Amino acid sequence: MTFIHHVNDLEPQKHRRFVAERLLELKNRLRQEIHGVSDERGLRLATWNIMHFGDGGAYTRTKESMLYIAEIIDHFDLVAIQEVNQDIKALDELFRFHLGSDWDYIVTDTTGGKKGNFERLAFAYRRSKVRFRKEAGEIVLPSGQEIADPGNKEAGRTVQFARTPFSVAFQSGWFKFKLCTVHIFYGKAAESSPEMEHRRREIQRIAQYLAQRQREQARTLGDEANFILLGDFNIVSPEHHTMQALEEAGFTVPQAIKEAPSSLSGRHHYDQIAFLLADDRFEFRTSGVFDMFDVVYRDSDADQYIDVVKPTSFETDSDGQPRNREQKSRYFRSYYRKHQISDHKLLWCEIKTDFSDDYLEKVRTA
């Protein structure tokens, strides 16, 4: 349950009432779309790229946006978060002041360099549903398994991941699993570009590496050798070679997830959840994409922010020229709301974690 009393800090009062109305609708929509189709005994697992979270400047979240982000996360049990930036004060504020003590998080160090963008990866988990099994690590490829760099003319040059993947061991109910999240390199989107090939190779390498680890652990851990790979893969489409790079290693992406576009445009399938499992009791139940802009920061809300909230960023463009009303409305739709929430929709699924019926049935028939 989120701490919603911060809505009383919002000014002016007219906007406070507006945000209260939007939060009520957000709660109702999440109950319908998430809780209405899933089981409390299962694990609600999600992945969400929260655009430049903690990066400051235009990306500084208002109290209003933090209320919305917290409410969305709180309707799940375990959420992989990409694009947490170097300053984690915003992440800490999200948990301490909005999500509360039932929630905790694990976050990586930053990945340096231009391609790494000093980003972090994080897992948010509900303590009452998910247990951290004291094992976590950032993935560095062993010698001989590095990524051949297609953007460098030097023959044989190899690199590590632009943003280091993050793997953590969790348990929910009876189900033990390793959860690895990624933010795969993007670069240029042109099909023939070296950047697109680099993107494909990163996906291929993380899938191959984890598949090898799963096979090794299956020999010793048996049905505990369960790997889930999720995050922002920057996959173009279900038929694209970037998706094939994920599946060729043996990971399975349920069709409902594969066909669910997570970009705001509805054209791209950047975010994915893939499974490589040893436990035959595992059951994938349902999934979906939550589009926050159907409920908050809607197209129709532009006037509220132009006339009532009046953010200073609306007044002038990047060249310092004053914006007219139509330009302010376009800025709200194209930039402001993405900077306040994200340029990705949240992708989620529910999986079975209560195997007690299976256990009792085995006892009964033994």
Protein backbone atom coordinates (compact mmCIF):
# COMPACT_ATOMS: atom_id res chain seq x y z
CA MET A 1 0.00 0.00 0.00
CA THR A 2 1.53 3.30 -1.08
CA PHE A 3 1.87 6.41 1.05
CA ILE A 4 -0.56 8.69 -0.76
CA HIS A 5 -0.74 11.46 1.85
CA HIS A 6 1.93 13.33 -0.14
CA VAL A 7 -0.87 14.39 -2.46
CA ASN A 8 -1.65 17.02 0.17
CA ASP A 9 1.72 18.66 -0.51
CA LEU A 10 0.69 19.56 -4.05
CA GLU A 11 -0.18 23.13 -4.99
CA PRO A 12 -2.39 24.75 -6.06
CA GLN A 13 -5.44 23.13 -4.49
CA LYS A 14 -7.11 22.80 -7.88
CA HIS A 15 -4.27 20.59 -9.05
CA ARG A 16 -4.30 18.65 -5.78
CA ARG A 17 -7.91 17.66 -6.48
CA PHE A 18 -7.00 16.79 -10.06
CA VAL A 19 -4.15 14.48 -8.96
CA ALA A 20 -6.37 12.81 -6.35
CA GLU A 21 -8.84 12.06 -9.14
CA ARG A 22 -6.07 10.67 -11.40
CA LEU A 23 -4.73 8.48 -8.56
CA LEU A 24 -8.18 7.04 -7.93
CA GLU A 25 -8.52 6.20 -11.62
CA LEU A 26 -4.98 4.78 -11.70
CA LYS A 27 -5.75 2.51 -8.75
CA ASN A 28 -8.98 1.33 -10.34
CA ARG A 29 -7.33 0.66 -13.70
CA LEU A 30 -4.48 -1.31 -12.11
CA ARG A 31 -6.91 -3.38 -10.06
CA GLN A 32 -8.87 -4.23 -13.19
CA GLU A 33 -5.97 -4.86 -15.60
CA ILE A 34 -3.55 -6.53 -13.18
CA HIS A 35 -5.28 -7.87 -10.09
CA GLY A 36 -8.49 -8.58 -11.94
CA VAL A 37 -6.81 -11.15 -14.19
CA SER A 38 -4.14 -12.59 -11.86
CA ASP A 39 -3.99 -14.66 -8.68
CA GLU A 40 -2.80 -13.37 -5.30
CA ARG A 41 -0.98 -16.68 -4.79
CA GLY A 42 1.12 -16.15 -7.91
CA LEU A 43 4.07 -13.85 -8.52
CA ARG A 44 3.38 -10.65 -10.44
CA LEU A 45 6.68 -10.02 -12.20
CA ALA A 46 7.36 -6.87 -14.23
CA THR A 47 10.05 -5.03 -16.14
CA TRP A 48 10.06 -1.28 -16.62
CA ASN A 49 12.55 1.12 -18.14
CA ILE A 50 11.93 4.30 -16.12
CA MET A 51 13.54 6.87 -18.38
CA HIS A 52 16.68 8.52 -16.92
CA PHE A 53 15.43 8.01 -13.37
CA GLY A 54 17.37 10.28 -11.02
CA ASP A 55 19.20 12.10 -13.82
CA GLY A 56 18.12 15.60 -12.76
CA GLY A 57 17.29 18.56 -14.97
CA ALA A 58 14.25 17.93 -17.16
CA TYR A 59 14.10 14.38 -15.74
CA THR A 60 13.60 15.48 -12.12
CA ARG A 61 10.35 13.83 -11.07
CA THR A 62 7.73 15.96 -9.34
CA LYS A 63 5.92 14.72 -6.24
CA GLU A 64 2.96 14.04 -8.51
CA SER A 65 4.98 11.75 -10.77
CA MET A 66 6.53 9.92 -7.84
CA LEU A 67 3.01 9.17 -6.57
CA TYR A 68 2.09 7.68 -9.95
CA ILE A 69 5.30 5.64 -10.33
CA ALA A 70 4.96 4.23 -6.80
CA GLU A 71 1.32 3.30 -7.36
CA ILE A 72 2.15 1.40 -10.53
CA ILE A 73 5.04 -0.52 -8.95
CA ASP A 74 2.96 -1.34 -5.87
CA HIS A 75 0.54 -3.44 -7.94
CA PHE A 76 3.33 -5.95 -8.65
CA ASP A 77 5.61 -8.08 -6.46
CA LEU A 78 8.96 -7.96 -8.23
CA VAL A 79 9.96 -5.28 -10.74
CA ALA A 80 13.18 -5.04 -12.76
CA ILE A 81 13.99 -1.36 -13.34
CA GLN A 82 16.32 -0.07 -16.05
CA GLU A 83 17.85 3.40 -16.51
CA VAL A 84 18.38 4.21 -12.85
CA ASN A 85 21.05 6.88 -13.04
CA GLN A 86 24.14 7.66 -10.99
CA ASP A 87 22.36 9.69 -8.31
CA ILE A 88 20.11 7.24 -6.43
CA LYS A 89 18.42 9.81 -4.19
CA ALA A 90 15.25 9.60 -6.30
CA LEU A 91 15.25 5.79 -6.05
CA ASP A 92 15.71 5.96 -2.29
CA GLU A 93 12.95 8.57 -2.02
CA LEU A 94 10.61 6.34 -4.02
CA PHE A 95 10.98 3.53 -1.50
CA ARG A 96 11.23 5.49 1.76
CA PHE A 97 8.48 8.03 1.17
CA HIS A 98 6.12 6.33 -1.28
CA LEU A 99 6.37 2.52 -1.24
CA GLY A 100 7.17 1.93 2.43
CA SER A 101 8.72 -0.81 4.54
CA ASP A 102 7.06 -3.75 2.73
CA TRP A 103 9.33 -2.95 -0.21
CA ASP A 104 13.09 -3.17 -0.66
CA TYR A 105 15.50 -2.83 -3.57
CA ILE A 106 18.87 -4.04 -4.85
CA VAL A 107 20.79 -1.81 -7.25
CA THR A 108 24.06 -2.13 -9.20
CA ASP A 109 26.94 0.25 -9.39
CA THR A 110 27.04 2.43 -12.49
CA THR A 111 28.42 1.25 -15.83
CA GLY A 112 30.93 3.88 -16.96
CA GLY A 113 31.83 5.10 -20.41
CA LYS A 114 29.81 6.76 -23.13
CA LYS A 115 27.89 3.59 -24.01
CA GLY A 116 27.23 2.76 -20.36
CA ASN A 117 25.84 6.23 -19.71
CA PHE A 118 26.57 5.75 -15.96
CA GLU A 119 23.35 3.79 -15.65
CA ARG A 120 22.35 1.35 -12.93
CA LEU A 121 19.98 -1.63 -12.96
CA ALA A 122 17.70 -2.36 -10.02
CA PHE A 123 15.22 -4.87 -8.65
CA ALA A 124 12.32 -3.73 -6.49
CA TYR A 125 10.69 -6.50 -4.48
CA ARG A 126 7.85 -6.88 -2.00
CA ARG A 127 9.22 -8.51 1.14
CA SER A 128 5.99 -10.37 1.91
CA LYS A 129 6.04 -12.14 -1.48
CA VAL A 130 9.70 -12.32 -2.50
CA ARG A 131 12.85 -13.35 -0.65
CA PHE A 132 16.34 -12.27 -1.69
CA ARG A 133 18.48 -15.43 -1.50
CA LYS A 134 21.71 -13.53 -0.72
CA GLU A 135 23.25 -14.01 -4.15
CA ALA A 136 23.77 -11.17 -6.62
CA GLY A 137 26.28 -10.26 -9.28
CA GLU A 138 26.96 -8.20 -12.36
CA ILE A 139 27.79 -10.35 -15.37
CA VAL A 140 31.19 -10.05 -17.02
CA LEU A 141 31.82 -12.42 -19.93
CA PRO A 142 34.71 -14.88 -19.53
CA SER A 143 37.72 -14.76 -21.83
CA GLY A 144 36.78 -16.13 -25.24
CA GLN A 145 33.09 -15.29 -24.86
CA GLU A 146 33.33 -11.52 -25.26
CA ILE A 147 31.33 -9.63 -27.88
CA ALA A 148 32.99 -9.08 -31.25
CA ASP A 149 32.83 -5.33 -31.81
CA PRO A 150 31.25 -4.70 -35.25
CA GLY A 151 31.82 -0.96 -34.96
CA ASN A 152 35.60 -1.18 -34.79
CA LYS A 153 37.82 -1.78 -37.81
CA GLU A 154 40.51 -3.44 -35.71
CA ALA A 155 40.29 -7.16 -36.47
CA GLY A 156 39.43 -9.35 -33.51
CA ARG A 157 38.56 -6.50 -31.17
CA THR A 158 36.06 -7.57 -28.49
CA VAL A 159 34.11 -5.73 -25.82
CA GLN A 160 31.97 -6.40 -22.77
CA PHE A 161 28.33 -5.32 -22.49
CA ALA A 162 27.75 -1.59 -22.87
CA ARG A 163 25.64 -1.78 -19.69
CA THR A 164 26.52 -4.67 -17.41
CA PRO A 165 23.64 -7.17 -16.87
CA PHE A 166 22.56 -7.85 -13.28
CA SER A 167 21.62 -11.29 -11.90
CA VAL A 168 20.01 -11.95 -8.50
CA ALA A 169 18.71 -15.12 -6.81
CA PHE A 170 15.15 -14.85 -5.48
CA GLN A 171 12.47 -17.12 -4.11
CA SER A 172 8.74 -16.57 -4.21
CA GLY A 173 6.57 -19.21 -2.55
CA TRP A 174 7.99 -22.58 -3.57
CA PHE A 175 9.73 -21.26 -6.67
CA LYS A 176 13.48 -20.56 -6.62
CA PHE A 177 15.00 -18.73 -9.56
CA LYS A 178 17.78 -16.52 -10.90
CA LEU A 179 16.53 -13.27 -12.34
CA CYS A 180 18.77 -11.36 -14.75
CA THR A 181 17.91 -7.92 -16.09
CA VAL A 182 19.51 -6.13 -19.03
CA HIS A 183 19.53 -2.85 -20.84
CA ILE A 184 20.90 -3.84 -24.23
CA PHE A 185 22.90 -1.39 -26.36
CA TYR A 186 20.77 0.64 -28.78
CA GLY A 187 22.87 2.90 -31.04
CA LYS A 188 21.55 3.59 -34.53
CA ALA A 189 18.34 1.87 -35.57
CA ALA A 190 19.25 1.38 -39.25
CA GLU A 191 19.13 -2.31 -40.13
CA SER A 192 22.52 -2.29 -41.86
CA SER A 193 24.32 -0.28 -39.15
CA PRO A 194 27.12 -1.72 -36.98
CA GLU A 195 25.07 -0.60 -33.97
CA MET A 196 22.19 -2.92 -34.90
CA GLU A 197 24.64 -5.81 -35.22
CA HIS A 198 26.14 -4.87 -31.85
CA ARG A 199 22.65 -4.95 -30.35
CA ARG A 200 22.04 -8.44 -31.74
CA ARG A 201 25.39 -9.73 -30.48
CA GLU A 202 24.78 -8.44 -26.94
CA ILE A 203 21.43 -10.26 -26.83
CA GLN A 204 23.03 -13.40 -28.23
CA ARG A 205 25.89 -13.37 -25.72
CA ILE A 206 23.81 -12.83 -22.57
CA ALA A 207 21.36 -15.56 -23.64
CA GLN A 208 24.17 -18.00 -24.45
CA TYR A 209 26.02 -17.25 -21.22
CA LEU A 210 22.96 -17.78 -19.02
CA ALA A 211 21.91 -20.89 -20.95
CA GLN A 212 25.31 -22.42 -20.26
CA ARG A 213 25.04 -21.54 -16.56
CA GLN A 214 21.55 -23.05 -16.40
CA ARG A 215 22.76 -26.33 -17.90
CA GLU A 216 25.66 -26.48 -15.46
CA GLN A 217 23.47 -25.75 -12.44
CA ALA A 218 20.75 -28.18 -13.52
CA ARG A 219 23.21 -31.02 -12.93
CA THR A 220 23.69 -30.08 -9.29
CA LEU A 221 20.60 -28.07 -8.32
CA GLY A 222 17.96 -30.02 -10.22
CA ASP A 223 14.63 -28.21 -10.36
CA GLU A 224 16.11 -25.10 -8.70
CA ALA A 225 18.04 -24.23 -11.88
CA ASN A 226 15.48 -21.73 -13.15
CA PHE A 227 16.60 -18.65 -15.09
CA ILE A 228 14.45 -15.68 -16.07
CA LEU A 229 15.96 -13.07 -18.36
CA LEU A 230 14.08 -9.78 -18.70
CA GLY A 231 14.49 -6.09 -19.34
CA ASP A 232 15.00 -3.66 -22.18
CA PHE A 233 16.45 -5.71 -25.04
CA ASN A 234 15.69 -3.08 -27.68
CA ILE A 235 14.14 -5.88 -29.73
CA VAL A 236 12.54 -4.57 -32.90
CA SER A 237 9.77 -7.12 -33.48
CA PRO A 238 8.89 -10.79 -32.79
CA GLU A 239 10.22 -11.79 -36.23
CA HIS A 240 13.41 -9.72 -36.08
CA HIS A 241 16.88 -11.23 -35.73
CA THR A 242 17.22 -9.50 -32.35
CA MET A 243 14.41 -11.76 -31.07
CA GLN A 244 15.96 -14.78 -32.73
CA ALA A 245 19.22 -14.06 -30.88
CA LEU A 246 17.33 -14.41 -27.59
CA GLU A 247 15.46 -17.58 -28.49
CA GLU A 248 18.27 -19.47 -30.25
CA ALA A 249 20.01 -20.06 -26.90
CA GLY A 250 16.96 -21.95 -25.61
CA PHE A 251 15.06 -19.22 -23.81
CA THR A 252 11.30 -19.26 -24.31
CA VAL A 253 9.32 -16.06 -24.68
CA PRO A 254 5.59 -16.75 -24.26
CA GLN A 255 3.66 -15.65 -27.33
CA ALA A 256 1.54 -13.20 -25.34
CA ILE A 257 4.69 -11.39 -24.19
CA LYS A 258 6.42 -11.62 -27.56
CA GLU A 259 3.50 -9.95 -29.34
CA ALA A 260 3.02 -7.13 -26.79
CA PRO A 261 4.70 -3.88 -27.95
CA SER A 262 6.05 -1.85 -25.03
CA SER A 263 7.13 1.33 -26.81
CA LEU A 264 4.81 4.33 -26.51
CA SER A 265 4.31 4.27 -30.27
CA GLY A 266 3.05 0.68 -30.11
CA ARG A 267 5.43 -0.31 -32.91
CA HIS A 268 8.39 -1.79 -31.03
CA HIS A 269 8.85 -4.77 -28.74
CA TYR A 270 11.83 -3.47 -26.83
CA ASP A 271 11.03 -5.12 -23.50
CA GLN A 272 10.83 -8.87 -23.03
CA ILE A 273 10.57 -11.60 -20.38
CA ALA A 274 12.19 -14.95 -21.28
CA PHE A 275 12.37 -18.27 -19.40
CA LEU A 276 14.79 -21.19 -19.22
CA LEU A 277 13.53 -23.59 -16.56
CA ALA A 278 14.26 -26.88 -14.84
CA ASP A 279 11.18 -27.03 -12.59
CA ASP A 280 8.36 -28.78 -14.46
CA ARG A 281 5.84 -27.41 -11.95
CA PHE A 282 6.38 -23.93 -13.39
CA GLU A 283 3.32 -22.37 -14.98
CA PHE A 284 3.08 -19.14 -16.97
CA ARG A 285 -0.40 -17.78 -16.41
CA THR A 286 -1.02 -14.36 -17.91
CA SER A 287 0.72 -11.19 -19.04
CA GLY A 288 0.12 -7.69 -20.28
CA VAL A 289 1.43 -4.22 -20.95
CA PHE A 290 0.30 -1.33 -18.77
CA ASP A 291 -0.02 1.99 -20.61
CA MET A 292 0.14 4.66 -17.91
CA PHE A 293 -0.73 7.46 -20.32
CA ASP A 294 -4.22 6.06 -20.73
CA VAL A 295 -4.78 7.19 -17.13
CA VAL A 296 -2.28 9.90 -16.12
CA TYR A 297 -0.73 12.67 -18.21
CA ARG A 298 -3.33 11.94 -20.88
CA ASP A 299 -3.43 13.89 -24.13
CA SER A 300 -6.55 15.62 -22.84
CA ASP A 301 -4.71 16.79 -19.71
CA ALA A 302 -2.45 19.24 -21.54
CA ASP A 303 -4.57 22.26 -20.58
CA GLN A 304 -4.32 21.35 -16.89
CA TYR A 305 -0.53 21.62 -17.02
CA ILE A 306 -0.48 24.71 -19.25
CA ASP A 307 -3.02 26.71 -17.24
CA VAL A 308 -2.80 25.36 -13.68
CA VAL A 309 0.59 23.72 -13.03
CA LYS A 310 2.58 25.98 -15.38
CA PRO A 311 5.99 24.21 -15.29
CA THR A 312 8.79 26.60 -16.20
CA SER A 313 10.02 24.15 -18.85
CA PHE A 314 6.86 24.88 -20.87
CA GLU A 315 7.69 28.55 -21.39
CA THR A 316 10.64 28.46 -23.78
CA ASP A 317 12.11 25.96 -26.22
CA SER A 318 15.71 24.69 -26.31
CA ASP A 319 16.75 27.86 -28.20
CA GLY A 320 15.24 30.09 -25.54
CA GLN A 321 12.32 31.15 -27.76
CA PRO A 322 8.86 31.53 -26.15
CA ARG A 323 6.38 28.73 -26.88
CA ASN A 324 2.82 29.49 -27.95
CA ARG A 325 -0.08 27.43 -26.61
CA GLU A 326 0.03 24.78 -29.33
CA GLN A 327 3.78 24.39 -28.89
CA LYS A 328 3.29 23.95 -25.14
CA SER A 329 0.69 21.28 -25.80
CA ARG A 330 3.05 19.44 -28.16
CA TYR A 331 5.87 19.70 -25.61
CA PHE A 332 3.60 18.19 -22.94
CA ARG A 333 2.67 15.23 -25.17
CA SER A 334 6.10 14.61 -26.70
CA TYR A 335 8.52 15.36 -23.88
CA TYR A 336 7.20 16.47 -20.50
CA ARG A 337 5.17 13.38 -19.64
CA LYS A 338 7.91 11.00 -20.85
CA HIS A 339 10.46 12.81 -18.69
CA GLN A 340 8.08 12.62 -15.72
CA ILE A 341 7.17 8.92 -16.12
CA SER A 342 8.89 7.04 -18.96
CA ASP A 343 9.14 6.42 -22.68
CA HIS A 344 8.43 2.70 -22.07
CA LYS A 345 5.25 0.99 -20.97
CA LEU A 346 5.53 -1.56 -18.18
CA LEU A 347 5.56 -5.22 -19.27
CA TRP A 348 4.39 -7.82 -16.75
CA CYS A 349 3.41 -11.43 -16.28
CA GLU A 350 2.07 -13.70 -13.56
CA ILE A 351 3.72 -17.02 -12.80
CA LYS A 352 2.72 -19.86 -10.51
CA THR A 353 4.76 -20.05 -7.31
CA ASP A 354 2.51 -22.10 -5.02
CA PHE A 355 3.34 -25.78 -5.59
CA SER A 356 1.68 -27.04 -2.42
CA ASP A 357 -1.08 -28.88 -4.32
CA ASP A 358 1.56 -30.75 -6.37
CA TYR A 359 3.43 -31.67 -3.21
CA LEU A 360 0.35 -32.93 -1.39
CA GLU A 361 -0.77 -34.90 -4.43
CA LYS A 362 2.60 -36.70 -4.49
CA VAL A 363 2.26 -37.52 -0.79
CA ARG A 364 -1.29 -38.76 -1.31
CA THR A 365 -0.36 -41.10 -4.16
CA ALA A 366 3.01 -42.28 -2.82
